[in-house]
Each structure stands twice: as C-alpha cells, then as structure tokens.
Amino acid sequence: MVGVSGLEQDEAGCWWYRFPDGRRMRAKEFECSRCGIQFHCYRPDRQYCSRQCKCQAVVSKGYNVTCQQCKSQFITKDARQKFCSHSCAATSMHSRGAVTTAGDVSPVNARKENYSRDTEGQWWYQGRGKDTVRTRAYILTCKACDSPFLANIFHRRKQQYCSRKCSPHPGNPNGKPPVLKGDKNPRWKGGRQISRGYVLIFAPDHPTRIGKMRKYVFEHRLVMEKMLGRILTEDETVHHKNGIRDDNRPENLELWASSHPYGQRAQEKATTDRERLRVLFHSGALGSGAATFEEFLAMLDGQVKVLA
C-alpha cells in the first residue's frame, strides 16, 4: 500500500507507519485476500488492501436482501435480516398497529413506572437510563396464577411468571423461595468464623447486634461477659495474656477499661515462652536427652553461661 498517508520507508528498506503525534510503528507486509496485491500495514489483522476490495469480498460472501420498510436493496451476512438499518426497523415497529390491546384487562404490573399506555391502547416499556428508547410491551399470562402481566420485548419469550412470588424454586415449588437462616441454610458452617486470628460466634440475639446486619460477636468478649455477668461497654476491650488471639480460656483473658496496646507484657511473654518450651520438651521435638523439664532448663542455663 505505497502512497498511503502515514507510511514511510527508511534507508534500510523497512516500512514504518508515522502517527500524527510523532510516534511510529513497524509496518509488516501482507497479501490482499481479494486481489493478491502485496501491501504494508501496521495492523496485524489486516486482510484487504483497500475499502473497495473489502466491499467486493463482502458482496461475494453476503446475501442480497430487500428492506421491508424502504424497499431498498442491501447486502448482509445474515439472510434473516429484514431491515437495512435501525432507523427502518424502528419506523416499521412504530407504524404497526397495537399488539398488546386486551380490552379492559389490567396487567398486575401495570403500575410500574417503566410501563405506559398510549391513546391507542398500546403498552410501552421505557428503560431507566437517560438515552434509552421505548419499546413495545406485551401482555402475557402467568403460568402459576393465570394473571395477565406486562413483559418487554427482551423478556417476552422467556418470562413465564408475573413475579418472584409465583416463580418456582427447588425448596418451595409453588411460590417465593423461603429465607433460610442459621443451621437451616445449606451454607451453614457451625456459626464460627476466624477473622485476623480472632474467633467470632454467631449471636443474633446479642444486645449489640440487634438491628445490625452483622450477627457475629467476638468469642473473647462473650467469655468475659459470662465471667462478669454483664454486657461489656464499647470502650472496654479484652486482652489475651499469651498473645494467642484464638486462646479464649478465662484464665488467659484480661479486661481493660480502654483500648490496650499491641503485644504482651515482658513477664507475660516470658511465661508464654516457658510454656511453649514445656510443650516442645514433652513432645520430644527438642531431643535434649534430659529426664525432666527442670533438668532441660538447667542444661539450657549452663549452655547460656558457657556462651557468655
């Protein structure tokens, strides 16, 4: 495609496409699928050397159809297409007579703001968007209650029920699906969750959860409330002495009148480390050879003194 605006060739013989902003892109060589001429283009999916070749290829592969509205001839790839443009399709639709006139029948969803009726008795559907165009609405009969209802042109072939109340469901085949809560829900996992290391318990009747969407309460707060016999205030917090957030034993919890700092006290950390060493010693993971845990501590102290 020599001579096309934007194409240029450098001294090495390579073809480039120059954009208006100064950028350039390598132009590869292609063969036109219609006439077989060699041409250069930067687009990797280019098949034709010109618009004329492309139109001739479409004519040879397409169908010659007569528009039902303006009676003009046009070429299309789909033989089922009836109109040459959206304008002809809309004109034909609006020129037809009323197709949803049903006498004195009042559809159950006629009060919705999306539906309106003109003087000829035709029902129309108007979307909620700013630039939406109204389309015809059709009167259908509910499969469950036999009541007439309106459906737009997009749903008239697959919509069978007037509302969710009449729509079937595996758990309730004759009406609206029931709301399954708690252990009745198939996704129930026991009412226990872990969030950032803390344990949450499902407690919908807790005073702090009434009227809230979230029905879970921290387990350490529930344990402390059971120990004190009262509900904790919003300013009160619960501290884990050993630093393990899911260890909610009563002896491991401590009540604070305000928010407490992150971490543990020095003596609490020392006690926690000693307990962890005891567990590792009795499990045999340390392999020290000592008969008792006290002998192991004595051996450990001796090694520390030698290193010091």
Protein backbone atom coordinates (compact mmCIF):
# COMPACT_ATOMS: atom_id res chain seq x y z
CA MET A 1 0.00 0.00 0.00
CA VAL A 2 2.53 2.52 -1.23
CA GLY A 3 1.43 6.13 -1.08
CA VAL A 4 -0.90 5.74 1.90
CA SER A 5 -0.71 8.65 4.35
CA GLY A 6 1.49 7.80 7.33
CA LEU A 7 3.67 5.13 5.64
CA GLU A 8 7.37 5.79 5.15
CA GLN A 9 10.45 3.75 4.32
CA ASP A 10 13.83 4.15 5.99
CA GLU A 11 17.31 3.75 4.49
CA ALA A 12 17.42 0.06 5.40
CA GLY A 13 14.27 -0.60 3.41
CA CYS A 14 11.94 -1.11 6.39
CA TRP A 15 8.43 0.30 6.26
CA TRP A 16 7.03 2.34 9.18
CA TYR A 17 3.69 3.97 9.96
CA ARG A 18 4.02 7.51 11.34
CA PHE A 19 1.25 8.64 13.72
CA PRO A 20 0.14 12.31 13.95
CA ASP A 21 1.80 12.68 17.38
CA GLY A 22 5.20 11.64 16.00
CA ARG A 23 5.22 8.02 17.13
CA ARG A 24 5.92 5.31 14.58
CA MET A 25 5.19 1.59 14.36
CA ARG A 26 6.69 -1.10 12.20
CA ALA A 27 4.52 -1.87 9.12
CA LYS A 28 4.51 -5.52 8.04
CA GLU A 29 3.89 -6.84 4.55
CA PHE A 30 0.55 -8.53 3.80
CA GLU A 31 -1.19 -10.04 0.78
CA CYS A 32 -4.70 -8.88 -0.07
CA SER A 33 -7.22 -11.71 0.28
CA ARG A 34 -9.20 -10.31 -2.66
CA CYS A 35 -6.78 -9.19 -5.38
CA GLY A 36 -3.49 -10.70 -4.15
CA ILE A 37 -1.55 -7.40 -4.17
CA GLN A 38 1.28 -7.01 -1.66
CA PHE A 39 0.79 -4.08 0.77
CA HIS A 40 2.19 -2.78 4.08
CA CYS A 41 0.19 -2.05 7.23
CA TYR A 42 0.88 -1.82 10.97
CA ARG A 43 -2.34 -3.68 11.92
CA PRO A 44 -1.72 -7.42 12.40
CA ASP A 45 -5.28 -8.45 11.34
CA ARG A 46 -5.45 -6.57 8.02
CA GLN A 47 -6.85 -8.72 5.16
CA TYR A 48 -7.63 -6.28 2.33
CA CYS A 49 -5.53 -3.63 0.63
CA SER A 50 -8.38 -1.13 0.24
CA ARG A 51 -12.01 -0.47 1.08
CA GLN A 52 -13.00 -1.41 -2.47
CA CYS A 53 -11.56 -4.92 -2.11
CA LYS A 54 -13.24 -5.31 1.26
CA CYS A 55 -16.67 -4.32 -0.14
CA GLN A 56 -16.28 -6.67 -3.08
CA ALA A 57 -15.37 -9.52 -0.73
CA VAL A 58 -18.46 -8.85 1.42
CA VAL A 59 -20.70 -8.78 -1.69
CA SER A 60 -19.37 -12.12 -2.86
CA LYS A 61 -19.95 -13.75 0.57
CA GLY A 62 -23.17 -11.94 1.59
CA TYR A 63 -26.86 -12.03 0.67
CA ASN A 64 -28.77 -9.50 -1.39
CA VAL A 65 -31.90 -8.64 0.67
CA THR A 66 -34.75 -6.15 0.15
CA CYS A 67 -35.59 -3.91 3.12
CA GLN A 68 -39.20 -4.44 4.21
CA GLN A 69 -39.59 -0.74 5.10
CA CYS A 70 -37.85 1.34 2.40
CA LYS A 71 -37.73 -1.42 -0.27
CA SER A 72 -34.07 -0.72 -0.97
CA GLN A 73 -31.52 -3.41 -1.77
CA PHE A 74 -28.71 -4.09 0.75
CA ILE A 75 -26.09 -6.77 1.32
CA THR A 76 -25.87 -8.64 4.63
CA LYS A 77 -24.12 -11.70 6.00
CA ASP A 78 -27.31 -12.88 7.77
CA ALA A 79 -30.15 -13.90 5.46
CA ARG A 80 -32.67 -13.43 8.31
CA GLN A 81 -32.09 -9.65 8.47
CA LYS A 82 -35.26 -7.79 7.38
CA PHE A 83 -34.25 -4.12 7.58
CA CYS A 84 -31.29 -2.23 6.19
CA SER A 85 -30.81 -0.04 9.27
CA HIS A 86 -32.01 0.59 12.83
CA SER A 87 -33.99 3.56 11.56
CA CYS A 88 -36.07 1.41 9.21
CA ALA A 89 -36.58 -1.21 11.95
CA ALA A 90 -37.85 1.42 14.43
CA THR A 91 -40.09 3.05 11.81
CA SER A 92 -41.65 -0.28 10.96
CA MET A 93 -42.24 -1.15 14.60
CA HIS A 94 -43.92 2.17 15.43
CA SER A 95 -46.08 2.08 12.31
CA ARG A 96 -47.68 -1.23 13.18
CA GLY A 97 -51.00 -1.31 14.97
CA ALA A 98 -51.47 -2.01 18.65
CA VAL A 99 -50.48 -5.57 19.52
CA THR A 100 -50.97 -5.52 23.30
CA THR A 101 -54.54 -4.26 23.38
CA ALA A 102 -56.54 -6.60 25.58
CA GLY A 103 -59.78 -4.75 26.23
CA ASP A 104 -60.40 -4.00 29.88
CA VAL A 105 -57.70 -6.37 31.12
CA SER A 106 -55.42 -4.71 33.67
CA PRO A 107 -51.94 -6.27 33.99
CA VAL A 108 -50.74 -6.86 37.55
CA ASN A 109 -47.52 -4.89 36.98
CA ALA A 110 -49.09 -2.01 35.05
CA ARG A 111 -48.35 0.42 37.90
CA LYS A 112 -44.61 0.18 37.43
CA GLU A 113 -43.02 3.39 36.21
CA ASN A 114 -41.34 1.57 33.32
CA TYR A 115 -44.65 0.82 31.59
CA SER A 116 -47.04 3.32 29.97
CA ARG A 117 -50.04 3.15 27.64
CA ASP A 118 -50.88 5.43 24.72
CA THR A 119 -54.28 6.53 23.42
CA GLU A 120 -54.50 3.57 21.01
CA GLY A 121 -54.16 1.05 23.82
CA GLN A 122 -50.56 0.11 23.07
CA TRP A 123 -48.33 -0.64 26.08
CA TRP A 124 -44.73 0.59 26.02
CA TYR A 125 -41.63 -0.15 28.08
CA GLN A 126 -39.20 2.67 28.94
CA GLY A 127 -35.81 1.87 30.49
CA ARG A 128 -34.35 3.80 33.40
CA GLY A 129 -31.32 5.10 31.52
CA LYS A 130 -31.10 8.62 30.14
CA ASP A 131 -30.68 7.64 26.48
CA THR A 132 -32.95 4.58 26.42
CA VAL A 133 -35.58 4.29 23.68
CA ARG A 134 -39.04 2.96 24.48
CA THR A 135 -40.01 -0.43 23.06
CA ARG A 136 -43.25 -2.36 22.80
CA ALA A 137 -44.56 -4.24 25.83
CA TYR A 138 -46.54 -7.46 25.51
CA ILE A 139 -49.30 -8.90 27.69
CA LEU A 140 -48.58 -12.45 28.86
CA THR A 141 -50.38 -14.85 31.18
CA CYS A 142 -48.72 -16.04 34.38
CA LYS A 143 -48.13 -19.78 34.40
CA ALA A 144 -48.90 -20.06 38.13
CA CYS A 145 -51.81 -17.68 38.87
CA ASP A 146 -53.16 -17.09 35.33
CA SER A 147 -52.96 -13.31 35.84
CA PRO A 148 -52.08 -11.03 32.91
CA PHE A 149 -48.76 -9.19 33.20
CA LEU A 150 -46.56 -7.00 31.02
CA ALA A 151 -43.20 -8.06 29.62
CA ASN A 152 -40.81 -6.08 27.47
CA ILE A 153 -39.56 -7.19 24.10
CA PHE A 154 -36.38 -8.63 25.61
CA HIS A 155 -38.11 -10.94 28.13
CA ARG A 156 -41.39 -11.81 26.42
CA ARG A 157 -40.13 -15.17 25.12
CA LYS A 158 -38.57 -16.49 28.34
CA GLN A 159 -40.60 -14.82 31.11
CA GLN A 160 -43.35 -17.14 32.37
CA TYR A 161 -44.30 -15.73 35.78
CA CYS A 162 -45.61 -12.33 36.84
CA SER A 163 -43.46 -12.03 40.00
CA ARG A 164 -41.00 -13.83 42.24
CA LYS A 165 -43.88 -14.90 44.42
CA CYS A 166 -45.23 -17.09 41.61
CA SER A 167 -41.81 -18.21 40.38
CA PRO A 168 -40.97 -21.81 41.39
CA HIS A 169 -37.97 -22.77 43.49
CA PRO A 170 -36.48 -26.15 44.43
CA GLY A 171 -37.21 -25.54 48.12
CA ASN A 172 -40.66 -24.05 47.51
CA PRO A 173 -42.01 -25.13 44.09
CA ASN A 174 -45.30 -23.25 44.47
CA GLY A 175 -44.11 -19.79 45.49
CA LYS A 176 -41.35 -17.47 46.64
CA PRO A 177 -38.23 -19.24 47.95
CA PRO A 178 -38.04 -19.21 51.76
CA VAL A 179 -35.29 -17.34 53.58
CA LEU A 180 -33.10 -19.94 55.31
CA LYS A 181 -31.15 -18.66 58.30
CA GLY A 182 -28.79 -20.24 60.78
CA ASP A 183 -28.38 -24.01 60.74
CA LYS A 184 -31.24 -24.33 58.20
CA ASN A 185 -29.13 -22.71 55.49
CA PRO A 186 -27.13 -25.21 53.38
CA ARG A 187 -24.06 -22.94 53.65
CA TRP A 188 -24.10 -23.08 57.47
CA LYS A 189 -20.62 -23.73 58.91
CA GLY A 190 -21.44 -24.01 62.60
CA GLY A 191 -21.64 -20.30 63.40
CA ARG A 192 -17.90 -19.98 63.99
CA GLN A 193 -15.55 -17.82 61.93
CA ILE A 194 -11.91 -16.70 62.11
CA SER A 195 -11.06 -13.09 61.31
CA ARG A 196 -7.46 -11.79 61.71
CA GLY A 197 -6.83 -14.60 64.19
CA TYR A 198 -9.85 -13.79 66.39
CA VAL A 199 -12.80 -16.16 66.79
CA LEU A 200 -16.31 -14.86 66.02
CA ILE A 201 -19.50 -16.59 67.19
CA PHE A 202 -22.91 -16.26 65.56
CA ALA A 203 -25.08 -14.47 68.17
CA PRO A 204 -28.08 -12.75 66.50
CA ASP A 205 -29.81 -12.15 69.89
CA HIS A 206 -26.85 -10.33 71.44
CA PRO A 207 -27.82 -6.77 72.55
CA THR A 208 -25.01 -5.22 70.50
CA ARG A 209 -26.17 -6.99 67.30
CA ILE A 210 -29.87 -6.12 67.35
CA GLY A 211 -30.70 -4.03 64.29
CA LYS A 212 -27.29 -4.71 62.73
CA MET A 213 -26.55 -6.59 59.53
CA ARG A 214 -23.57 -8.39 61.05
CA LYS A 215 -24.71 -11.01 63.60
CA TYR A 216 -21.29 -12.22 64.79
CA VAL A 217 -19.60 -11.31 68.12
CA PHE A 218 -16.00 -11.89 69.21
CA GLU A 219 -15.75 -15.00 71.35
CA HIS A 220 -13.35 -13.42 73.86
CA ARG A 221 -15.92 -10.70 74.60
CA LEU A 222 -18.64 -13.32 75.14
CA VAL A 223 -16.37 -15.25 77.55
CA MET A 224 -15.55 -12.07 79.51
CA GLU A 225 -19.24 -11.10 79.66
CA LYS A 226 -20.06 -14.54 81.06
CA MET A 227 -17.32 -14.14 83.69
CA LEU A 228 -18.55 -10.68 84.76
CA GLY A 229 -22.26 -11.36 84.39
CA ARG A 230 -22.88 -8.21 82.34
CA ILE A 231 -22.53 -6.77 78.82
CA LEU A 232 -19.25 -5.04 78.03
CA THR A 233 -19.32 -1.40 77.02
CA GLU A 234 -17.93 -0.10 73.74
CA ASP A 235 -14.86 1.38 75.48
CA GLU A 236 -13.91 -1.87 77.24
CA THR A 237 -11.54 -4.29 75.50
CA VAL A 238 -10.27 -7.80 76.25
CA HIS A 239 -6.54 -8.59 76.28
CA HIS A 240 -5.02 -12.04 75.55
CA LYS A 241 -2.18 -12.57 78.01
CA ASN A 242 -0.23 -15.11 75.98
CA GLY A 243 -0.70 -13.20 72.71
CA ILE A 244 -2.65 -16.04 71.06
CA ARG A 245 -5.83 -14.47 69.67
CA ASP A 246 -7.86 -17.67 69.46
CA ASP A 247 -6.99 -18.82 73.00
CA ASN A 248 -10.15 -17.65 74.77
CA ARG A 249 -9.76 -19.52 78.07
CA PRO A 250 -10.96 -17.45 81.05
CA GLU A 251 -7.51 -17.54 82.70
CA ASN A 252 -5.93 -16.13 79.52
CA LEU A 253 -8.24 -13.09 79.26
CA GLU A 254 -7.89 -9.71 80.96
CA LEU A 255 -10.37 -6.81 80.93
CA TRP A 256 -9.19 -3.32 80.05
CA ALA A 257 -11.22 -0.17 80.62
CA SER A 258 -9.92 1.30 77.34
CA SER A 259 -8.02 0.18 74.27
CA HIS A 260 -4.82 -1.66 75.18
CA PRO A 261 -1.50 -1.52 73.28
CA TYR A 262 -0.41 -4.18 70.83
CA GLY A 263 1.66 -7.11 72.10
CA GLN A 264 2.36 -8.58 75.56
CA ARG A 265 3.98 -7.56 78.82
CA ALA A 266 7.56 -8.73 79.37
CA GLN A 267 6.60 -11.14 82.19
CA GLU A 268 3.68 -12.49 80.16
CA LYS A 269 5.95 -13.17 77.19
CA ALA A 270 8.49 -14.93 79.41
CA THR A 271 5.76 -17.16 80.86
CA THR A 272 4.42 -17.89 77.39
CA ASP A 273 7.87 -18.87 76.09
CA ARG A 274 8.36 -21.19 79.08
CA GLU A 275 5.03 -22.91 78.40
CA ARG A 276 5.91 -23.37 74.74
CA LEU A 277 9.27 -24.91 75.69
CA ARG A 278 7.48 -27.28 78.06
CA VAL A 279 5.15 -28.43 75.29
CA LEU A 280 8.05 -28.97 72.88
CA PHE A 281 10.05 -30.86 75.53
CA HIS A 282 7.24 -33.30 76.33
CA SER A 283 6.55 -33.85 72.62
CA GLY A 284 10.16 -34.96 72.10
CA ALA A 285 10.84 -32.37 69.43
CA LEU A 286 13.86 -30.90 71.27
CA GLY A 287 15.79 -34.17 71.65
CA SER A 288 17.80 -32.90 74.65
CA GLY A 289 18.14 -36.25 76.48
CA ALA A 290 17.05 -34.77 79.86
CA ALA A 291 14.68 -36.81 82.03
CA THR A 292 12.61 -33.87 83.29
CA PHE A 293 11.79 -30.40 82.10
CA GLU A 294 13.67 -28.86 85.06
CA GLU A 295 16.85 -30.74 84.04
CA PHE A 296 16.40 -29.40 80.50
CA LEU A 297 16.17 -25.83 81.84
CA ALA A 298 19.30 -26.37 83.94
CA MET A 299 21.17 -27.67 80.88
CA LEU A 300 19.93 -24.67 78.89
CA ASP A 301 21.10 -22.24 81.60
CA GLY A 302 24.53 -23.92 81.64
CA GLN A 303 24.91 -23.54 77.88
CA VAL A 304 23.97 -19.87 78.15
CA LYS A 305 26.61 -19.30 80.87
CA VAL A 306 29.27 -21.02 78.78
CA LEU A 307 28.43 -18.86 75.78
CA ALA A 308 28.51 -15.77 77.98
